[in-house]
N, C-alpha and C. Protein backbone atom coordinates (compact mmCIF):
# COMPACT_ATOMS: atom_id res chain seq x y z
N MET A 1 75.24 141.65 105.56
CA MET A 1 75.83 142.18 105.07
C MET A 1 75.27 143.66 104.34
N SER A 2 74.03 143.31 103.79
CA SER A 2 73.66 144.56 103.24
C SER A 2 73.02 145.48 104.28
N HIS A 3 73.00 144.87 105.49
CA HIS A 3 72.46 145.70 106.83
C HIS A 3 73.88 146.81 107.41
N GLN A 4 75.27 146.88 106.53
CA GLN A 4 76.12 147.27 106.91
C GLN A 4 76.31 148.46 105.66
N LEU A 5 75.54 148.64 104.85
CA LEU A 5 75.47 149.55 104.19
C LEU A 5 74.86 150.56 104.38
N PRO A 6 74.72 151.98 103.88
CA PRO A 6 73.70 152.73 104.57
C PRO A 6 72.27 152.85 103.66
N ASP A 7 71.52 153.22 104.08
CA ASP A 7 70.39 153.43 103.18
C ASP A 7 70.51 154.46 101.96
N GLU A 8 71.67 155.45 102.23
CA GLU A 8 71.87 156.46 101.38
C GLU A 8 72.65 155.56 100.08
N TYR A 9 73.14 154.34 100.51
CA TYR A 9 73.83 153.97 99.05
C TYR A 9 72.69 152.99 97.92
N TRP A 10 71.51 152.30 99.38
CA TRP A 10 70.63 152.00 97.84
C TRP A 10 69.77 152.66 97.17
N GLU A 11 69.38 153.65 97.93
CA GLU A 11 69.01 154.77 97.47
C GLU A 11 69.55 155.42 96.15
N SER A 12 70.82 155.10 96.23
CA SER A 12 71.92 155.91 95.14
C SER A 12 71.89 155.32 93.93
N LEU A 13 71.12 154.11 93.72
CA LEU A 13 71.04 152.80 93.13
C LEU A 13 69.76 153.55 92.16
N GLY A 14 68.93 154.48 92.49
CA GLY A 14 67.65 154.77 91.77
C GLY A 14 66.67 153.41 92.16
N PRO A 15 65.16 153.43 90.77
CA PRO A 15 64.68 152.60 91.36
C PRO A 15 64.93 150.85 91.48
N ASN A 16 65.95 150.85 90.96
CA ASN A 16 66.46 149.23 91.50
C ASN A 16 66.91 149.31 92.58
N GLY A 17 67.40 150.04 93.74
CA GLY A 17 67.92 150.07 94.95
C GLY A 17 67.26 148.97 95.76
N PRO A 18 66.06 149.02 96.20
CA PRO A 18 65.43 148.06 96.99
C PRO A 18 65.28 146.52 96.51
N PHE A 19 65.44 146.37 95.22
CA PHE A 19 65.38 145.32 94.86
C PHE A 19 66.67 144.44 94.86
N LEU A 20 67.38 145.46 94.55
CA LEU A 20 69.03 144.69 94.72
C LEU A 20 69.38 144.54 96.39
N ARG A 21 68.93 145.23 97.04
CA ARG A 21 69.01 145.50 98.43
C ARG A 21 68.72 144.16 98.93
N GLU A 22 67.43 143.79 98.54
CA GLU A 22 66.96 142.64 99.29
C GLU A 22 67.62 141.48 98.27
N LEU A 23 67.61 141.31 97.22
CA LEU A 23 68.98 140.61 96.27
C LEU A 23 69.92 140.13 96.89
N PHE A 24 70.74 141.10 97.47
CA PHE A 24 72.03 141.22 98.33
C PHE A 24 71.90 140.38 99.12
N HIS A 25 70.93 140.93 100.02
CA HIS A 25 70.86 140.25 101.57
C HIS A 25 70.27 139.12 101.49
N ASN A 26 69.38 138.63 100.39
CA ASN A 26 69.46 137.00 100.29
C ASN A 26 70.52 135.96 99.89
N GLN A 27 71.17 136.89 99.24
CA GLN A 27 72.23 135.99 98.86
C GLN A 27 73.26 136.06 99.57
N SER A 28 73.53 137.08 100.40
CA SER A 28 74.47 136.83 101.76
C SER A 28 73.57 136.05 102.78
N GLN A 29 72.75 136.13 103.09
CA GLN A 29 71.87 134.88 103.86
C GLN A 29 72.32 133.43 103.23
N LEU A 30 72.04 133.11 101.95
CA LEU A 30 72.69 131.72 101.11
C LEU A 30 74.05 131.73 101.33
N VAL A 31 74.74 132.41 101.30
CA VAL A 31 76.36 132.30 101.50
C VAL A 31 76.71 132.33 102.76
N MET A 32 76.02 132.41 104.00
CA MET A 32 76.35 132.06 105.36
C MET A 32 75.91 130.58 105.63
N GLN A 33 74.59 130.05 104.92
CA GLN A 33 74.30 129.01 104.86
C GLN A 33 75.03 127.90 104.55
N LEU A 34 75.84 128.24 103.51
CA LEU A 34 76.79 127.10 102.65
C LEU A 34 78.15 127.36 103.62
N GLN A 35 78.52 128.42 104.23
CA GLN A 35 79.87 128.35 104.70
C GLN A 35 79.46 127.48 106.01
N ALA A 36 78.16 127.66 106.47
CA ALA A 36 77.64 126.31 107.93
C ALA A 36 77.82 124.93 107.00
N ALA A 37 77.14 124.74 106.19
CA ALA A 37 77.08 123.33 105.72
C ALA A 37 78.79 122.95 105.30
N ASN A 38 79.10 124.14 104.82
CA ASN A 38 80.23 123.00 104.45
C ASN A 38 81.32 123.02 105.80
N ASN A 39 81.34 123.99 106.69
CA ASN A 39 81.96 123.50 107.81
C ASN A 39 81.46 122.30 108.47
N ASP A 40 80.30 121.79 108.70
CA ASP A 40 79.41 120.46 108.91
C ASP A 40 80.20 119.53 108.39
N LEU A 41 80.06 119.42 106.96
CA LEU A 41 80.46 118.96 106.16
C LEU A 41 82.26 118.25 106.28
N GLN A 42 83.07 119.31 106.58
CA GLN A 42 84.49 119.29 107.22
C GLN A 42 84.53 118.39 108.24
N THR A 43 83.78 118.50 109.39
CA THR A 43 83.63 118.19 110.75
C THR A 43 83.47 116.53 110.28
N ARG A 44 82.60 116.55 109.43
CA ARG A 44 81.57 114.90 108.76
C ARG A 44 82.76 114.02 108.41
N VAL A 45 83.71 114.82 107.67
CA VAL A 45 84.70 114.10 106.68
C VAL A 45 85.89 114.05 107.79
N MET A 46 86.38 114.51 108.75
CA MET A 46 87.47 114.48 109.63
C MET A 46 86.84 112.92 110.64
N ASP A 47 85.80 113.34 111.22
CA ASP A 47 85.15 112.17 112.21
C ASP A 47 85.54 110.77 111.13
N THR A 48 84.84 111.09 109.57
CA THR A 48 84.57 109.40 109.15
C THR A 48 86.11 109.08 108.91
N SER A 49 87.17 109.86 108.61
CA SER A 49 88.47 109.83 108.37
C SER A 49 89.36 108.62 109.93
N ASP A 50 88.64 109.56 110.82
CA ASP A 50 89.27 108.74 112.11
C ASP A 50 88.48 107.52 112.34
N ASP A 51 87.08 107.32 111.79
CA ASP A 51 86.77 106.04 112.34
C ASP A 51 87.02 105.06 111.42
N ILE A 52 87.22 105.32 110.10
CA ILE A 52 88.07 104.18 109.46
C ILE A 52 89.45 103.86 109.48
N ALA A 53 90.16 104.86 110.05
CA ALA A 53 91.13 104.92 110.68
C ALA A 53 91.34 103.77 111.86
N ASN A 54 90.26 103.71 113.13
CA ASN A 54 90.38 102.89 114.02
C ASN A 54 89.77 101.63 113.28
N VAL A 55 88.23 101.64 112.58
CA VAL A 55 88.07 100.03 112.17
C VAL A 55 89.42 99.63 111.35
N ALA A 56 90.20 100.54 110.32
CA ALA A 56 91.36 99.19 109.91
C ALA A 56 92.34 98.96 110.85
N SER A 57 92.90 99.82 112.14
CA SER A 57 93.57 99.48 113.10
C SER A 57 93.00 98.09 113.72
N GLN A 58 91.61 97.86 113.97
CA GLN A 58 91.03 96.87 114.67
C GLN A 58 90.81 95.96 113.56
N ALA A 59 90.83 95.93 112.69
CA ALA A 59 90.84 94.75 111.92
C ALA A 59 92.01 94.11 111.43
N ALA A 60 93.38 94.72 111.53
CA ALA A 60 94.31 94.50 111.54
C ALA A 60 94.72 93.50 112.78
N SER A 61 94.36 94.31 114.10
CA SER A 61 94.62 93.67 115.32
C SER A 61 93.70 92.01 115.36
N ALA A 62 93.04 91.83 114.74
CA ALA A 62 91.99 90.80 114.32
C ALA A 62 93.01 89.79 114.04
N VAL A 63 92.93 90.22 112.69
CA VAL A 63 94.21 89.31 112.09
C VAL A 63 95.23 88.84 112.45
N ALA A 64 95.95 89.63 113.26
CA ALA A 64 97.15 89.20 114.02
C ALA A 64 97.12 88.58 114.98
N GLN A 65 95.66 88.60 115.72
CA GLN A 65 95.18 87.79 116.81
C GLN A 65 94.97 86.41 116.01
N THR A 66 93.70 86.26 115.43
CA THR A 66 93.87 85.15 114.43
C THR A 66 94.85 84.13 114.08
N ILE A 67 95.93 85.01 113.74
CA ILE A 67 96.67 83.92 113.22
C ILE A 67 97.62 83.33 114.23
N LEU A 68 98.08 84.81 115.45
CA LEU A 68 98.92 84.20 116.37
C LEU A 68 97.89 82.91 117.33
N THR A 69 96.73 83.13 117.53
CA THR A 69 96.03 81.82 117.89
C THR A 69 96.17 80.51 117.14
N ASN A 70 96.01 80.69 115.70
CA ASN A 70 95.93 79.88 114.55
C ASN A 70 97.71 79.17 114.99
N MET A 71 98.31 79.76 114.75
CA MET A 71 99.81 79.27 115.43
C MET A 71 100.27 78.35 116.65
N GLN A 72 99.11 79.18 117.38
CA GLN A 72 99.43 78.22 118.74
C GLN A 72 98.69 76.91 119.07
N ALA A 73 97.38 76.56 118.20
CA ALA A 73 96.74 75.67 118.37
C ALA A 73 96.82 75.12 117.04
N PRO A 74 97.46 74.35 116.15
CA PRO A 74 97.37 74.17 114.74
C PRO A 74 96.10 73.05 114.97
N THR A 75 95.48 72.71 113.71
CA THR A 75 94.35 71.82 113.68
C THR A 75 94.71 70.65 112.54
N GLY A 76 93.88 69.51 113.18
CA GLY A 76 94.25 68.29 112.41
C GLY A 76 95.09 67.69 112.69
N GLY A 77 96.03 67.91 113.85
CA GLY A 77 97.05 67.40 114.39
C GLY A 77 98.32 67.70 113.65
N GLN A 78 97.80 68.70 112.83
CA GLN A 78 99.25 69.13 111.97
C GLN A 78 100.29 70.06 112.78
N SER A 79 101.22 69.61 112.81
CA SER A 79 102.19 71.01 113.47
C SER A 79 102.72 72.03 112.20
N SER A 80 103.01 73.26 113.13
CA SER A 80 103.05 74.56 112.18
C SER A 80 104.72 73.85 111.47
N ARG A 81 105.27 73.20 112.00
CA ARG A 81 106.56 73.00 111.31
C ARG A 81 106.09 72.66 110.26
N ASN A 82 105.55 71.86 109.67
CA ASN A 82 105.35 70.78 108.18
C ASN A 82 105.11 72.07 107.29
N ALA A 83 104.85 73.41 107.89
CA ALA A 83 104.18 74.53 106.93
C ALA A 83 105.48 75.58 106.61
N LYS A 84 105.65 75.70 105.04
CA LYS A 84 107.48 76.56 105.09
C LYS A 84 106.68 77.40 104.06
N ALA A 85 106.94 78.79 104.14
CA ALA A 85 106.82 79.69 103.69
C ALA A 85 107.64 79.94 102.26
N ALA A 86 107.88 80.29 101.02
CA ALA A 86 108.71 80.43 100.23
C ALA A 86 110.14 81.63 100.50
N ASP A 87 110.77 81.79 100.42
CA ASP A 87 112.03 82.69 101.51
C ASP A 87 111.80 83.90 100.41
N PRO A 88 111.65 84.85 101.04
CA PRO A 88 111.42 86.45 100.55
C PRO A 88 112.23 86.47 99.22
N GLU A 89 111.88 87.13 97.95
CA GLU A 89 112.35 87.57 96.85
C GLU A 89 113.68 88.78 97.57
N ALA A 90 115.21 88.53 96.77
CA ALA A 90 115.67 89.56 97.24
C ALA A 90 115.72 90.83 96.97
N PHE A 91 115.57 91.70 97.79
CA PHE A 91 115.21 93.04 97.83
C PHE A 91 116.18 93.94 97.00
N ASP A 92 115.63 94.87 95.95
CA ASP A 92 116.60 95.45 94.86
C ASP A 92 116.90 96.82 95.72
N GLY A 93 116.04 97.60 96.82
CA GLY A 93 116.25 98.64 97.66
C GLY A 93 115.29 99.60 97.04
N SER A 94 114.46 99.30 96.00
CA SER A 94 113.59 100.38 95.50
C SER A 94 112.56 100.56 96.29
N ARG A 95 112.19 101.93 96.25
CA ARG A 95 110.88 102.06 97.13
C ARG A 95 109.59 101.61 96.94
N GLY A 96 109.20 100.97 95.60
CA GLY A 96 108.06 100.77 95.43
C GLY A 96 107.91 99.27 96.05
N LYS A 97 108.80 98.36 95.97
CA LYS A 97 108.98 97.26 96.08
C LYS A 97 108.96 97.33 97.95
N THR A 98 109.23 98.10 98.53
CA THR A 98 109.53 98.09 99.83
C THR A 98 108.41 97.33 100.40
N GLU A 99 107.20 97.58 100.77
CA GLU A 99 106.54 96.87 101.41
C GLU A 99 106.08 95.80 100.87
N GLN A 100 105.91 95.53 99.60
CA GLN A 100 106.03 93.92 99.13
C GLN A 100 106.93 92.97 99.63
N PHE A 101 107.96 93.33 99.94
CA PHE A 101 109.40 92.77 100.70
C PHE A 101 108.73 92.49 102.11
N VAL A 102 108.30 94.09 102.75
CA VAL A 102 108.33 93.39 104.15
C VAL A 102 106.99 92.69 104.15
N ARG A 103 106.24 92.26 103.59
CA ARG A 103 104.97 91.56 103.40
C ARG A 103 105.82 90.32 103.78
N SER A 104 106.43 89.87 102.68
CA SER A 104 106.63 88.24 102.14
C SER A 104 107.54 87.94 103.34
N VAL A 105 108.25 89.13 104.13
CA VAL A 105 109.29 88.30 105.18
C VAL A 105 108.43 88.15 106.41
N CYS A 106 107.24 89.30 106.53
CA CYS A 106 106.55 88.70 107.69
C CYS A 106 105.55 87.20 107.44
N ILE A 107 105.20 87.45 106.36
CA ILE A 107 104.50 86.15 105.95
C ILE A 107 105.81 84.69 106.35
N ALA A 108 106.98 84.77 105.66
CA ALA A 108 107.58 83.27 106.02
C ALA A 108 107.95 83.73 107.62
N VAL A 109 108.00 84.63 108.12
CA VAL A 109 108.30 84.43 109.78
C VAL A 109 107.34 83.87 110.64
N THR A 110 105.69 84.26 109.71
CA THR A 110 104.87 83.58 110.34
C THR A 110 104.25 82.56 110.39
N MET A 111 104.72 81.97 109.16
CA MET A 111 104.62 80.40 108.80
C MET A 111 105.67 80.15 109.70
N GLN A 112 106.97 80.02 109.91
CA GLN A 112 107.88 79.53 110.41
C GLN A 112 108.21 79.71 111.97
N ILE A 113 107.19 80.59 112.66
CA ILE A 113 107.19 81.34 113.71
C ILE A 113 108.01 79.94 114.80
N ASP A 114 107.80 78.74 114.63
CA ASP A 114 108.38 77.58 115.74
C ASP A 114 110.26 78.00 115.79
N THR A 115 110.55 78.64 114.62
CA THR A 115 112.05 78.43 114.25
C THR A 115 112.44 79.67 114.72
N PHE A 116 111.81 80.86 114.82
CA PHE A 116 112.24 81.88 115.67
C PHE A 116 111.55 82.11 117.16
N ALA A 117 111.77 80.67 117.48
CA ALA A 117 111.12 80.77 119.19
C ALA A 117 111.59 81.81 119.99
N ASP A 118 113.19 82.21 120.12
CA ASP A 118 113.48 83.02 121.03
C ASP A 118 114.86 83.63 120.46
N LYS A 119 115.00 84.77 120.96
CA LYS A 119 115.96 85.69 120.09
C LYS A 119 116.85 85.26 119.44
N ARG A 120 117.59 83.92 120.91
CA ARG A 120 118.82 82.98 120.20
C ARG A 120 118.32 82.51 118.39
N MET A 121 117.60 82.20 118.71
CA MET A 121 116.90 81.59 117.71
C MET A 121 116.84 82.55 116.07
N LYS A 122 116.15 83.93 116.63
CA LYS A 122 116.10 84.71 115.66
C LYS A 122 117.49 85.08 115.13
N ILE A 123 118.27 85.13 116.01
CA ILE A 123 119.75 85.64 115.48
C ILE A 123 120.28 84.76 114.81
N GLN A 124 120.21 83.25 114.73
CA GLN A 124 121.09 82.59 114.07
C GLN A 124 120.34 82.03 112.83
N ARG A 125 118.99 82.39 112.63
CA ARG A 125 118.48 82.11 111.36
C ARG A 125 118.75 83.19 110.81
């Protein structure tokens, strides 16, 4: 940016003109370096956010697959019919408790998957 100012400007600053010109030039270069570093960091943050979302999705899928596998092949000769989750607490409609309620319903259904074997059973239950 200092190169855009005419020499007359720097000369008009008197004996400190050359010093101020050099200082201004150095500061301009540092600003450009900081802008480039900032752009690089922003790109890295976006990439990291995408990576975290992908890993979280993969982990959720792995957990769901493990649950389904374990439900299909009960261990120790026990049937999944013996396992019963507590009924979810009544939902009061508050937004703050929505996620907790949905999780408790998912757990109850997962623990009693054989009860929900087909669409007819899901509707009757």
